[in-house]
Each structure stands twice: as C-alpha cells, then as structure tokens.
Amino acid sequence: MMMPIDEKHPLVLASASPRRKRLLARMGIPHRVVVSRVNENGRIESPEVFCRNLAYLKAKDVGSREDVSWILGADTIVVIGSRVLGKPVNRTDAQRMLSLLSGKDHQVITGFCVLNPAGEIAHSESVTTVVRFKPISEEEIAGYIRTREPFGKAGAYAIQGVGAFMVESISGSYTNVVGLPMCALIKALIQCGALKSFP
C-alpha cells in the first residue's frame, strides 16, 4: 500500500526553486527538497511537451536516489509567439527578454510530473497562463534589472515581486506564473492518492 503524503512521508520536490518551496509551504503540504541534476537545455518542438518531459526527467533523476516517496518534478517556461524564453544569462539577455514582452501577451507554461513511491508516473500535465505586459520604457527595464529580480526567473520577471508593476492582466492560474499551478497540482495529488483530502 502506498502511504499518502504526511509529516512522516513528505512529498519530495525535485527543484531548487524557492518559489515552488514557498507555494507548497503556504498550502501546508509536507515536503522536502532534493535538487535534480538534469540539464534544462534541449530542443523544443512543443513547449507543453518539453515542460512535461523535463518535469518527468527531474522527478526520475531524484527518484533514482530516493526510496518510497511521492516525487514532484516541475519546469516553467515563457513563450511569446514562436520564441521560448528561459532564464536570462546576463543583463543584456534580461533586457532583450523584457523588451520582447513589453506591451504584449505571452504564455507561461508549467509542466509537472508526480511519481508514486514505486517510481511510476502517477500524473503528468502542463498548465498555461496568458499574461499581458503594459508597454515598458527602456528606463523602467533598466531600473527593474537593477533590482536583480529578473535573474533565475523564466522570462526575466517575477509576478509575485517588483515585476508585478509590468503585469496588466492575467488569464489563468496565478500560481502557475509563480512556478506551480496549485489548483491543478492538488487536484492531481488527490486523484492519484498522494493526498487523502485537502485542506
């Protein structure tokens, strides 16, 4: 019998993201972090499939080192038109990304994968949120980059931080843009037996 997630059997989060950790903590889901060693670069044909695959590879990598735990892998990317934006590598890259997003709609896609304690895929899904940015001036972009917030974030912004000043509207899951679509995740955890009930 597979034990559900509780204090004795916490969910293993296969991610170094402090934002994902905070979201799980806010929801009161017992968890611990084991960072995956998966290379996040790869050829992207379908952004949704790419995110789901990467989430699975992260969960699988951590699963190979963890016994009898529910494991969650996740990956978030930003897509504008046919371009996929990951995390900026430097200031110039952040400036390029923010200029590209200025005054337009873009999609934030998070893929997540839940492995059961036997190491099998219990659930795999991708969730898309549409975000619209106001037109941003070069001065505003430079000021935002000076806060250092864009670094380590897909698309070079954090909706839950200073970056909120650029967000005109959002259609879909807010927590998805932060890094984990909590409504979809909790629904999945209940359906696959990882959680008995919630809250």
N, C-alpha and C. Protein backbone atom coordinates (compact mmCIF):
# COMPACT_ATOMS: atom_id res chain seq x y z
N MET A 1 0.83 -1.21 0.00
CA MET A 1 0.00 0.00 0.00
C MET A 1 0.87 1.27 0.00
N MET A 2 0.52 2.24 -0.83
CA MET A 2 1.31 3.46 -0.91
C MET A 2 0.83 4.47 0.13
N MET A 3 1.76 4.90 0.96
CA MET A 3 1.42 5.85 2.01
C MET A 3 1.17 7.23 1.41
N PRO A 4 0.10 7.90 1.84
CA PRO A 4 -0.10 9.27 1.35
C PRO A 4 0.92 10.23 1.98
N ILE A 5 1.01 11.41 1.41
CA ILE A 5 1.94 12.43 1.91
C ILE A 5 1.51 12.87 3.30
N ASP A 6 2.45 12.86 4.24
CA ASP A 6 2.21 13.41 5.58
C ASP A 6 3.57 13.82 6.15
N GLU A 7 3.61 14.23 7.42
CA GLU A 7 4.87 14.70 8.02
C GLU A 7 5.95 13.61 8.00
N LYS A 8 5.53 12.35 8.17
CA LYS A 8 6.50 11.24 8.16
C LYS A 8 6.93 10.87 6.75
N HIS A 9 6.02 11.09 5.79
CA HIS A 9 6.29 10.75 4.38
C HIS A 9 6.08 12.00 3.52
N PRO A 10 7.00 12.99 3.62
CA PRO A 10 6.79 14.23 2.87
C PRO A 10 6.97 14.05 1.37
N LEU A 11 6.30 14.92 0.62
CA LEU A 11 6.49 14.99 -0.83
C LEU A 11 7.93 15.42 -1.08
N VAL A 12 8.59 14.80 -2.06
CA VAL A 12 9.95 15.23 -2.42
C VAL A 12 9.84 16.15 -3.63
N LEU A 13 10.28 17.39 -3.45
CA LEU A 13 10.25 18.39 -4.53
C LEU A 13 11.59 18.35 -5.26
N ALA A 14 11.56 17.93 -6.53
CA ALA A 14 12.80 17.80 -7.32
C ALA A 14 13.11 19.13 -8.00
N SER A 15 13.32 20.17 -7.19
CA SER A 15 13.52 21.51 -7.74
C SER A 15 14.24 22.39 -6.72
N ALA A 16 15.12 23.25 -7.23
CA ALA A 16 15.84 24.18 -6.35
C ALA A 16 15.07 25.49 -6.17
N SER A 17 13.89 25.60 -6.83
CA SER A 17 13.15 26.86 -6.83
C SER A 17 12.59 27.22 -5.45
N PRO A 18 13.04 28.34 -4.87
CA PRO A 18 12.48 28.76 -3.57
C PRO A 18 11.00 29.13 -3.69
N ARG A 19 10.56 29.54 -4.91
CA ARG A 19 9.17 29.92 -5.10
C ARG A 19 8.26 28.69 -5.01
N ARG A 20 8.69 27.57 -5.61
CA ARG A 20 7.88 26.34 -5.52
C ARG A 20 7.82 25.85 -4.08
N LYS A 21 8.94 25.94 -3.41
CA LYS A 21 9.00 25.52 -2.00
C LYS A 21 8.04 26.35 -1.16
N ARG A 22 8.04 27.68 -1.40
CA ARG A 22 7.14 28.58 -0.65
C ARG A 22 5.68 28.27 -0.92
N LEU A 23 5.34 27.98 -2.19
CA LEU A 23 3.94 27.66 -2.53
C LEU A 23 3.47 26.41 -1.80
N LEU A 24 4.30 25.36 -1.78
CA LEU A 24 3.94 24.13 -1.07
C LEU A 24 3.80 24.39 0.43
N ALA A 25 4.72 25.19 0.98
CA ALA A 25 4.69 25.51 2.42
C ALA A 25 3.42 26.30 2.76
N ARG A 26 3.06 27.26 1.91
CA ARG A 26 1.87 28.07 2.14
C ARG A 26 0.60 27.22 2.16
N MET A 27 0.60 26.16 1.36
CA MET A 27 -0.56 25.27 1.29
C MET A 27 -0.53 24.20 2.38
N GLY A 28 0.54 24.20 3.15
CA GLY A 28 0.65 23.23 4.25
C GLY A 28 0.92 21.81 3.78
N ILE A 29 1.54 21.65 2.61
CA ILE A 29 1.86 20.31 2.11
C ILE A 29 3.26 19.92 2.59
N PRO A 30 3.37 18.89 3.45
CA PRO A 30 4.69 18.48 3.94
C PRO A 30 5.59 18.10 2.77
N HIS A 31 6.80 18.64 2.76
CA HIS A 31 7.70 18.37 1.64
C HIS A 31 9.15 18.59 2.06
N ARG A 32 10.04 18.05 1.26
CA ARG A 32 11.46 18.35 1.40
C ARG A 32 12.03 18.46 0.00
N VAL A 33 13.16 19.14 -0.12
CA VAL A 33 13.75 19.41 -1.43
C VAL A 33 14.95 18.50 -1.70
N VAL A 34 14.96 17.88 -2.87
CA VAL A 34 16.14 17.18 -3.37
C VAL A 34 16.33 17.69 -4.80
N VAL A 35 17.41 18.41 -5.03
CA VAL A 35 17.60 19.07 -6.33
C VAL A 35 18.02 18.05 -7.40
N SER A 36 17.37 18.14 -8.55
CA SER A 36 17.71 17.24 -9.67
C SER A 36 18.98 17.73 -10.36
N ARG A 37 19.66 16.81 -11.03
CA ARG A 37 20.90 17.15 -11.74
C ARG A 37 20.66 17.20 -13.25
N VAL A 38 19.40 17.34 -13.65
CA VAL A 38 19.05 17.30 -15.08
C VAL A 38 19.42 18.61 -15.77
N ASN A 39 20.02 18.50 -16.96
CA ASN A 39 20.33 19.67 -17.78
C ASN A 39 19.01 20.19 -18.36
N GLU A 40 18.73 21.47 -18.14
CA GLU A 40 17.43 22.03 -18.56
C GLU A 40 17.40 22.49 -20.01
N ASN A 41 18.52 22.36 -20.72
CA ASN A 41 18.54 22.78 -22.12
C ASN A 41 18.15 21.61 -23.02
N GLY A 42 17.51 21.91 -24.10
CA GLY A 42 17.13 20.84 -25.03
C GLY A 42 16.38 21.44 -26.21
N ARG A 43 16.12 20.61 -27.20
CA ARG A 43 15.40 21.06 -28.40
C ARG A 43 13.91 21.11 -28.08
N ILE A 44 13.29 22.24 -28.41
CA ILE A 44 11.88 22.41 -28.09
C ILE A 44 11.03 22.34 -29.36
N GLU A 45 10.21 21.32 -29.46
CA GLU A 45 9.28 21.23 -30.60
C GLU A 45 7.92 21.75 -30.15
N SER A 46 7.40 21.18 -29.07
CA SER A 46 6.16 21.68 -28.46
C SER A 46 6.50 22.12 -27.04
N PRO A 47 6.26 23.41 -26.70
CA PRO A 47 6.59 23.88 -25.35
C PRO A 47 5.93 23.06 -24.24
N GLU A 48 4.66 22.67 -24.45
CA GLU A 48 3.94 21.90 -23.42
C GLU A 48 4.61 20.54 -23.19
N VAL A 49 4.94 19.86 -24.30
CA VAL A 49 5.59 18.54 -24.21
C VAL A 49 6.98 18.69 -23.60
N PHE A 50 7.71 19.72 -23.99
CA PHE A 50 9.05 19.98 -23.46
C PHE A 50 9.01 20.12 -21.94
N CYS A 51 8.07 20.94 -21.44
CA CYS A 51 7.94 21.16 -19.99
C CYS A 51 7.58 19.87 -19.25
N ARG A 52 6.63 19.13 -19.81
CA ARG A 52 6.23 17.86 -19.17
C ARG A 52 7.38 16.87 -19.14
N ASN A 53 8.11 16.77 -20.26
CA ASN A 53 9.24 15.84 -20.33
C ASN A 53 10.33 16.20 -19.33
N LEU A 54 10.63 17.51 -19.27
CA LEU A 54 11.68 17.96 -18.35
C LEU A 54 11.26 17.73 -16.89
N ALA A 55 9.98 17.98 -16.60
CA ALA A 55 9.46 17.73 -15.25
C ALA A 55 9.62 16.24 -14.89
N TYR A 56 9.32 15.36 -15.87
CA TYR A 56 9.47 13.92 -15.65
C TYR A 56 10.94 13.55 -15.42
N LEU A 57 11.85 14.09 -16.25
CA LEU A 57 13.27 13.77 -16.11
C LEU A 57 13.82 14.22 -14.76
N LYS A 58 13.36 15.39 -14.29
CA LYS A 58 13.79 15.88 -12.97
C LYS A 58 13.30 14.95 -11.87
N ALA A 59 12.01 14.57 -11.95
CA ALA A 59 11.43 13.66 -10.94
C ALA A 59 12.12 12.30 -10.97
N LYS A 60 12.37 11.80 -12.18
CA LYS A 60 13.01 10.48 -12.33
C LYS A 60 14.43 10.49 -11.77
N ASP A 61 15.19 11.56 -12.06
CA ASP A 61 16.56 11.68 -11.55
C ASP A 61 16.58 11.62 -10.02
N VAL A 62 15.68 12.39 -9.41
CA VAL A 62 15.62 12.40 -7.94
C VAL A 62 15.09 11.06 -7.42
N GLY A 63 14.12 10.48 -8.15
CA GLY A 63 13.55 9.19 -7.76
C GLY A 63 14.58 8.08 -7.71
N SER A 64 15.61 8.19 -8.56
CA SER A 64 16.65 7.16 -8.58
C SER A 64 17.49 7.20 -7.30
N ARG A 65 17.40 8.32 -6.56
CA ARG A 65 18.17 8.45 -5.31
C ARG A 65 17.30 8.38 -4.06
N GLU A 66 15.99 8.34 -4.25
CA GLU A 66 15.05 8.37 -3.12
C GLU A 66 14.20 7.11 -3.10
N ASP A 67 14.04 6.52 -1.93
CA ASP A 67 13.19 5.33 -1.80
C ASP A 67 11.80 5.71 -1.29
N VAL A 68 10.82 5.00 -1.78
CA VAL A 68 9.41 5.08 -1.33
C VAL A 68 8.92 6.48 -0.95
N SER A 69 9.00 7.40 -1.87
CA SER A 69 8.46 8.75 -1.67
C SER A 69 7.66 9.16 -2.89
N TRP A 70 6.66 10.01 -2.66
CA TRP A 70 5.99 10.69 -3.78
C TRP A 70 6.95 11.80 -4.21
N ILE A 71 7.14 11.93 -5.51
CA ILE A 71 8.12 12.90 -6.03
C ILE A 71 7.44 13.83 -7.04
N LEU A 72 7.76 15.12 -6.92
CA LEU A 72 7.21 16.13 -7.83
C LEU A 72 8.32 16.82 -8.59
N GLY A 73 8.26 16.73 -9.92
CA GLY A 73 9.17 17.48 -10.78
C GLY A 73 8.37 18.56 -11.49
N ALA A 74 8.99 19.70 -11.77
CA ALA A 74 8.27 20.79 -12.45
C ALA A 74 9.25 21.63 -13.27
N ASP A 75 8.73 22.23 -14.33
CA ASP A 75 9.54 23.12 -15.15
C ASP A 75 8.64 24.21 -15.73
N THR A 76 9.10 25.45 -15.69
CA THR A 76 8.32 26.59 -16.19
C THR A 76 9.08 27.30 -17.29
N ILE A 77 8.38 27.60 -18.39
CA ILE A 77 8.98 28.42 -19.45
C ILE A 77 7.99 29.52 -19.86
N VAL A 78 8.54 30.52 -20.51
CA VAL A 78 7.73 31.63 -21.03
C VAL A 78 7.80 31.57 -22.55
N VAL A 79 6.64 31.68 -23.20
CA VAL A 79 6.59 31.59 -24.66
C VAL A 79 5.92 32.84 -25.22
N ILE A 80 6.58 33.47 -26.18
CA ILE A 80 5.98 34.61 -26.87
C ILE A 80 6.10 34.36 -28.37
N GLY A 81 4.97 34.23 -29.05
CA GLY A 81 4.99 33.84 -30.46
C GLY A 81 5.60 32.46 -30.58
N SER A 82 6.67 32.35 -31.37
CA SER A 82 7.34 31.05 -31.51
C SER A 82 8.61 30.99 -30.67
N ARG A 83 8.85 32.03 -29.89
CA ARG A 83 10.08 32.08 -29.08
C ARG A 83 9.86 31.57 -27.67
N VAL A 84 10.81 30.80 -27.20
CA VAL A 84 10.76 30.28 -25.82
C VAL A 84 11.81 31.03 -25.01
N LEU A 85 11.38 31.60 -23.88
CA LEU A 85 12.31 32.34 -23.02
C LEU A 85 12.56 31.56 -21.74
N GLY A 86 13.81 31.22 -21.52
CA GLY A 86 14.19 30.57 -20.26
C GLY A 86 14.64 31.62 -19.27
N LYS A 87 15.66 31.31 -18.47
CA LYS A 87 16.19 32.27 -17.50
C LYS A 87 17.29 33.09 -18.17
N PRO A 88 17.31 34.40 -17.94
CA PRO A 88 18.33 35.23 -18.60
C PRO A 88 19.74 34.89 -18.10
N VAL A 89 20.71 34.89 -19.01
CA VAL A 89 22.09 34.54 -18.62
C VAL A 89 22.87 35.77 -18.13
N ASN A 90 22.42 36.97 -18.53
CA ASN A 90 23.09 38.20 -18.08
C ASN A 90 22.14 39.39 -18.26
N ARG A 91 22.62 40.59 -17.97
CA ARG A 91 21.79 41.80 -18.04
C ARG A 91 21.26 42.05 -19.46
N THR A 92 22.12 41.85 -20.46
CA THR A 92 21.72 42.08 -21.86
C THR A 92 20.60 41.14 -22.25
N ASP A 93 20.72 39.88 -21.81
CA ASP A 93 19.70 38.87 -22.10
C ASP A 93 18.38 39.24 -21.41
N ALA A 94 18.45 39.71 -20.17
CA ALA A 94 17.25 40.13 -19.43
C ALA A 94 16.59 41.31 -20.14
N GLN A 95 17.41 42.25 -20.59
CA GLN A 95 16.90 43.44 -21.29
C GLN A 95 16.19 43.05 -22.59
N ARG A 96 16.80 42.08 -23.32
CA ARG A 96 16.22 41.58 -24.58
C ARG A 96 14.85 40.94 -24.31
N MET A 97 14.78 40.11 -23.29
CA MET A 97 13.52 39.41 -22.96
C MET A 97 12.43 40.39 -22.57
N LEU A 98 12.75 41.33 -21.70
CA LEU A 98 11.74 42.28 -21.22
C LEU A 98 11.26 43.20 -22.35
N SER A 99 12.17 43.58 -23.24
CA SER A 99 11.79 44.41 -24.41
C SER A 99 10.83 43.63 -25.31
N LEU A 100 11.09 42.33 -25.44
CA LEU A 100 10.26 41.45 -26.27
C LEU A 100 8.84 41.31 -25.68
N LEU A 101 8.75 41.27 -24.35
CA LEU A 101 7.46 41.08 -23.67
C LEU A 101 6.66 42.38 -23.55
N SER A 102 7.34 43.52 -23.68
CA SER A 102 6.71 44.83 -23.49
C SER A 102 5.47 45.03 -24.36
N GLY A 103 4.33 45.34 -23.72
CA GLY A 103 3.09 45.67 -24.42
C GLY A 103 2.40 44.50 -25.10
N LYS A 104 2.84 43.26 -24.78
CA LYS A 104 2.27 42.10 -25.48
C LYS A 104 1.77 41.02 -24.52
N ASP A 105 1.01 40.07 -25.11
CA ASP A 105 0.61 38.86 -24.39
C ASP A 105 1.72 37.81 -24.53
N HIS A 106 1.91 37.03 -23.47
CA HIS A 106 2.79 35.87 -23.58
C HIS A 106 2.19 34.73 -22.75
N GLN A 107 2.69 33.53 -22.98
CA GLN A 107 2.20 32.37 -22.23
C GLN A 107 3.26 31.92 -21.23
N VAL A 108 2.79 31.57 -20.04
CA VAL A 108 3.66 30.93 -19.06
C VAL A 108 3.17 29.49 -18.94
N ILE A 109 4.06 28.55 -19.24
CA ILE A 109 3.69 27.13 -19.23
C ILE A 109 4.50 26.40 -18.16
N THR A 110 3.80 25.73 -17.27
CA THR A 110 4.48 24.88 -16.29
C THR A 110 4.06 23.44 -16.52
N GLY A 111 5.06 22.59 -16.70
CA GLY A 111 4.81 21.16 -16.76
C GLY A 111 5.13 20.59 -15.39
N PHE A 112 4.29 19.66 -14.91
CA PHE A 112 4.65 18.99 -13.66
C PHE A 112 4.38 17.50 -13.77
N CYS A 113 5.16 16.73 -13.03
CA CYS A 113 5.06 15.28 -13.07
C CYS A 113 5.14 14.74 -11.64
N VAL A 114 4.20 13.88 -11.30
CA VAL A 114 4.18 13.24 -9.98
C VAL A 114 4.53 11.76 -10.16
N LEU A 115 5.57 11.31 -9.46
CA LEU A 115 5.91 9.89 -9.45
C LEU A 115 5.42 9.29 -8.14
N ASN A 116 4.83 8.10 -8.19
CA ASN A 116 4.40 7.44 -6.96
C ASN A 116 5.59 6.77 -6.28
N PRO A 117 5.42 6.26 -5.05
CA PRO A 117 6.56 5.67 -4.33
C PRO A 117 7.20 4.47 -5.03
N ALA A 118 6.51 3.89 -6.02
CA ALA A 118 7.09 2.78 -6.79
C ALA A 118 7.92 3.32 -7.97
N GLY A 119 7.95 4.66 -8.13
CA GLY A 119 8.73 5.27 -9.20
C GLY A 119 8.00 5.36 -10.53
N GLU A 120 6.68 5.11 -10.51
CA GLU A 120 5.88 5.17 -11.74
C GLU A 120 5.22 6.54 -11.88
N ILE A 121 4.92 6.94 -13.12
CA ILE A 121 4.23 8.22 -13.33
C ILE A 121 2.79 8.08 -12.84
N ALA A 122 2.46 8.88 -11.84
CA ALA A 122 1.08 8.90 -11.33
C ALA A 122 0.28 10.00 -12.02
N HIS A 123 0.97 11.06 -12.45
CA HIS A 123 0.29 12.18 -13.12
C HIS A 123 1.32 13.02 -13.87
N SER A 124 0.94 13.48 -15.07
CA SER A 124 1.80 14.37 -15.85
C SER A 124 0.89 15.36 -16.57
N GLU A 125 1.21 16.64 -16.47
CA GLU A 125 0.31 17.67 -17.01
C GLU A 125 1.09 18.95 -17.28
N SER A 126 0.58 19.76 -18.20
CA SER A 126 1.12 21.12 -18.35
C SER A 126 -0.04 22.11 -18.26
N VAL A 127 0.23 23.24 -17.66
CA VAL A 127 -0.80 24.27 -17.44
C VAL A 127 -0.29 25.57 -18.05
N THR A 128 -1.18 26.26 -18.78
CA THR A 128 -0.79 27.50 -19.46
C THR A 128 -1.58 28.69 -18.92
N THR A 129 -0.88 29.78 -18.66
CA THR A 129 -1.49 31.04 -18.23
C THR A 129 -1.07 32.12 -19.23
N VAL A 130 -2.00 32.97 -19.62
CA VAL A 130 -1.68 34.08 -20.53
C VAL A 130 -1.49 35.34 -19.70
N VAL A 131 -0.36 36.00 -19.90
CA VAL A 131 -0.03 37.23 -19.15
C VAL A 131 0.17 38.36 -20.15
N ARG A 132 -0.43 39.52 -19.85
CA ARG A 132 -0.22 40.70 -20.70
C ARG A 132 0.61 41.72 -19.94
N PHE A 133 1.67 42.20 -20.60
CA PHE A 133 2.51 43.26 -20.03
C PHE A 133 2.08 44.63 -20.57
N LYS A 134 2.17 45.64 -19.76
CA LYS A 134 1.99 47.01 -20.24
C LYS A 134 3.23 47.37 -21.08
N PRO A 135 3.14 48.39 -21.91
CA PRO A 135 4.36 48.84 -22.60
C PRO A 135 5.37 49.32 -21.54
N ILE A 136 6.60 48.83 -21.62
CA ILE A 136 7.62 49.18 -20.62
C ILE A 136 8.70 50.02 -21.29
N SER A 137 9.05 51.13 -20.65
CA SER A 137 10.09 52.00 -21.21
C SER A 137 11.47 51.40 -20.95
N GLU A 138 12.46 51.87 -21.71
CA GLU A 138 13.85 51.41 -21.52
C GLU A 138 14.33 51.74 -20.11
N GLU A 139 13.90 52.89 -19.62
CA GLU A 139 14.28 53.33 -18.26
C GLU A 139 13.71 52.36 -17.21
N GLU A 140 12.44 51.96 -17.41
CA GLU A 140 11.81 51.02 -16.48
C GLU A 140 12.51 49.65 -16.52
N ILE A 141 12.86 49.21 -17.73
CA ILE A 141 13.56 47.93 -17.88
C ILE A 141 14.91 47.98 -17.15
N ALA A 142 15.65 49.07 -17.38
CA ALA A 142 16.97 49.21 -16.72
C ALA A 142 16.80 49.24 -15.20
N GLY A 143 15.78 49.96 -14.72
CA GLY A 143 15.52 50.04 -13.27
C GLY A 143 15.16 48.68 -12.69
N TYR A 144 14.35 47.93 -13.44
CA TYR A 144 13.94 46.61 -12.95
C TYR A 144 15.14 45.65 -12.91
N ILE A 145 15.98 45.72 -13.93
CA ILE A 145 17.18 44.85 -13.95
C ILE A 145 18.10 45.18 -12.77
N ARG A 146 18.14 46.48 -12.40
CA ARG A 146 18.98 46.87 -11.25
C ARG A 146 18.52 46.22 -9.94
N THR A 147 17.25 45.85 -9.86
CA THR A 147 16.77 45.19 -8.64
C THR A 147 17.32 43.76 -8.53
N ARG A 148 17.86 43.23 -9.65
CA ARG A 148 18.40 41.85 -9.76
C ARG A 148 17.32 40.78 -9.72
N GLU A 149 16.06 41.20 -9.63
CA GLU A 149 14.96 40.24 -9.57
C GLU A 149 14.83 39.37 -10.85
N PRO A 150 15.13 39.91 -12.04
CA PRO A 150 14.92 39.10 -13.25
C PRO A 150 15.76 37.82 -13.32
N PHE A 151 16.85 37.75 -12.57
CA PHE A 151 17.77 36.62 -12.72
C PHE A 151 17.25 35.38 -12.01
N GLY A 152 17.40 34.25 -12.71
CA GLY A 152 16.91 32.98 -12.15
C GLY A 152 15.42 32.77 -12.39
N LYS A 153 14.79 33.65 -13.20
CA LYS A 153 13.35 33.54 -13.48
C LYS A 153 13.13 33.39 -14.99
N ALA A 154 12.28 32.45 -15.37
CA ALA A 154 11.92 32.30 -16.79
C ALA A 154 11.25 33.59 -17.26
N GLY A 155 11.69 34.10 -18.42
CA GLY A 155 11.11 35.33 -18.95
C GLY A 155 11.63 36.59 -18.29
N ALA A 156 12.55 36.44 -17.33
CA ALA A 156 13.21 37.58 -16.66
C ALA A 156 12.30 38.44 -15.79
N TYR A 157 11.27 37.82 -15.18
CA TYR A 157 10.46 38.61 -14.24
C TYR A 157 9.82 37.71 -13.19
N ALA A 158 9.44 38.35 -12.09
CA ALA A 158 8.74 37.64 -11.00
C ALA A 158 7.41 38.36 -10.76
N ILE A 159 6.30 37.69 -11.06
CA ILE A 159 4.98 38.31 -10.91
C ILE A 159 4.66 38.59 -9.45
N GLN A 160 5.27 37.80 -8.55
CA GLN A 160 4.99 37.94 -7.12
C GLN A 160 5.89 38.98 -6.46
N GLY A 161 6.76 39.61 -7.27
CA GLY A 161 7.69 40.60 -6.72
C GLY A 161 7.49 41.96 -7.37
N VAL A 162 8.60 42.68 -7.52
CA VAL A 162 8.58 44.01 -8.14
C VAL A 162 8.03 43.93 -9.56
N GLY A 163 8.26 42.79 -10.22
CA GLY A 163 7.81 42.59 -11.59
C GLY A 163 6.32 42.76 -11.80
N ALA A 164 5.54 42.74 -10.72
CA ALA A 164 4.09 42.93 -10.82
C ALA A 164 3.73 44.27 -11.45
N PHE A 165 4.64 45.26 -11.39
CA PHE A 165 4.33 46.59 -11.94
C PHE A 165 4.14 46.54 -13.46
N MET A 166 4.64 45.47 -14.10
CA MET A 166 4.53 45.38 -15.56
C MET A 166 3.30 44.60 -16.01
N VAL A 167 2.68 43.86 -15.08
CA VAL A 167 1.61 42.93 -15.44
C VAL A 167 0.26 43.64 -15.50
N GLU A 168 -0.25 43.80 -16.72
CA GLU A 168 -1.52 44.50 -16.93
C GLU A 168 -2.71 43.57 -16.65
N SER A 169 -2.60 42.32 -17.11
CA SER A 169 -3.68 41.36 -16.87
C SER A 169 -3.15 39.94 -16.93
N ILE A 170 -3.97 39.03 -16.41
CA ILE A 170 -3.59 37.62 -16.38
C ILE A 170 -4.84 36.79 -16.63
N SER A 171 -4.71 35.75 -17.46
CA SER A 171 -5.83 34.85 -17.72
C SER A 171 -5.35 33.43 -17.43
N GLY A 172 -5.87 32.86 -16.34
CA GLY A 172 -5.44 31.53 -15.94
C GLY A 172 -4.91 31.53 -14.52
N SER A 173 -4.15 30.50 -14.18
CA SER A 173 -3.64 30.31 -12.82
C SER A 173 -2.52 31.28 -12.49
N TYR A 174 -2.71 32.05 -11.40
CA TYR A 174 -1.67 32.97 -10.93
C TYR A 174 -0.46 32.19 -10.41
N THR A 175 -0.71 31.13 -9.60
CA THR A 175 0.43 30.40 -9.01
C THR A 175 1.24 29.67 -10.09
N ASN A 176 0.61 29.40 -11.23
CA ASN A 176 1.33 28.81 -12.36
C ASN A 176 2.45 29.73 -12.81
N VAL A 177 2.19 31.04 -12.81
CA VAL A 177 3.19 32.02 -13.23
C VAL A 177 4.31 32.10 -12.18
N VAL A 178 3.96 31.87 -10.93
CA VAL A 178 4.96 31.86 -9.85
C VAL A 178 5.85 30.61 -9.99
N GLY A 179 5.27 29.49 -10.47
CA GLY A 179 6.09 28.30 -10.66
C GLY A 179 5.41 26.96 -10.46
N LEU A 180 4.19 26.96 -9.86
CA LEU A 180 3.43 25.71 -9.67
C LEU A 180 1.94 26.00 -9.72
N PRO A 181 1.20 25.38 -10.64
CA PRO A 181 -0.26 25.60 -10.69
C PRO A 181 -0.93 24.82 -9.55
N MET A 182 -1.12 25.47 -8.42
CA MET A 182 -1.52 24.77 -7.19
C MET A 182 -2.89 24.10 -7.29
N CYS A 183 -3.84 24.71 -7.97
CA CYS A 183 -5.17 24.11 -8.12
C CYS A 183 -5.05 22.77 -8.85
N ALA A 184 -4.36 22.78 -10.00
CA ALA A 184 -4.18 21.55 -10.79
C ALA A 184 -3.34 20.52 -10.04
N LEU A 185 -2.31 20.99 -9.33
CA LEU A 185 -1.43 20.07 -8.60
C LEU A 185 -2.18 19.35 -7.47
N ILE A 186 -2.92 20.10 -6.66
CA ILE A 186 -3.63 19.48 -5.53
C ILE A 186 -4.70 18.52 -6.04
N LYS A 187 -5.39 18.90 -7.09
CA LYS A 187 -6.39 18.02 -7.71
C LYS A 187 -5.71 16.71 -8.14
N ALA A 188 -4.53 16.82 -8.76
CA ALA A 188 -3.79 15.64 -9.23
C ALA A 188 -3.33 14.78 -8.06
N LEU A 189 -2.83 15.42 -6.99
CA LEU A 189 -2.34 14.68 -5.82
C LEU A 189 -3.47 13.90 -5.15
N ILE A 190 -4.67 14.47 -5.13
CA ILE A 190 -5.83 13.78 -4.55
C ILE A 190 -6.23 12.61 -5.45
N GLN A 191 -6.32 12.87 -6.76
CA GLN A 191 -6.74 11.84 -7.71
C GLN A 191 -5.82 10.62 -7.72
N CYS A 192 -4.52 10.86 -7.56
CA CYS A 192 -3.59 9.71 -7.62
C CYS A 192 -3.30 9.11 -6.24
N GLY A 193 -3.96 9.62 -5.21
CA GLY A 193 -3.85 9.02 -3.88
C GLY A 193 -2.69 9.54 -3.05
N ALA A 194 -1.99 10.56 -3.54
CA ALA A 194 -0.85 11.13 -2.79
C ALA A 194 -1.36 11.93 -1.59
N LEU A 195 -2.53 12.53 -1.74
CA LEU A 195 -3.19 13.23 -0.62
C LEU A 195 -4.53 12.57 -0.39
N LYS A 196 -4.88 12.35 0.89
CA LYS A 196 -6.20 11.75 1.20
C LYS A 196 -7.30 12.76 0.91
N SER A 197 -7.06 14.01 1.34
CA SER A 197 -8.04 15.08 1.13
C SER A 197 -7.31 16.41 1.27
N PHE A 198 -8.00 17.47 0.92
CA PHE A 198 -7.41 18.82 1.06
C PHE A 198 -8.53 19.83 1.22
N PRO A 199 -8.41 20.81 2.11
CA PRO A 199 -7.28 21.00 3.04
C PRO A 199 -7.34 20.00 4.19
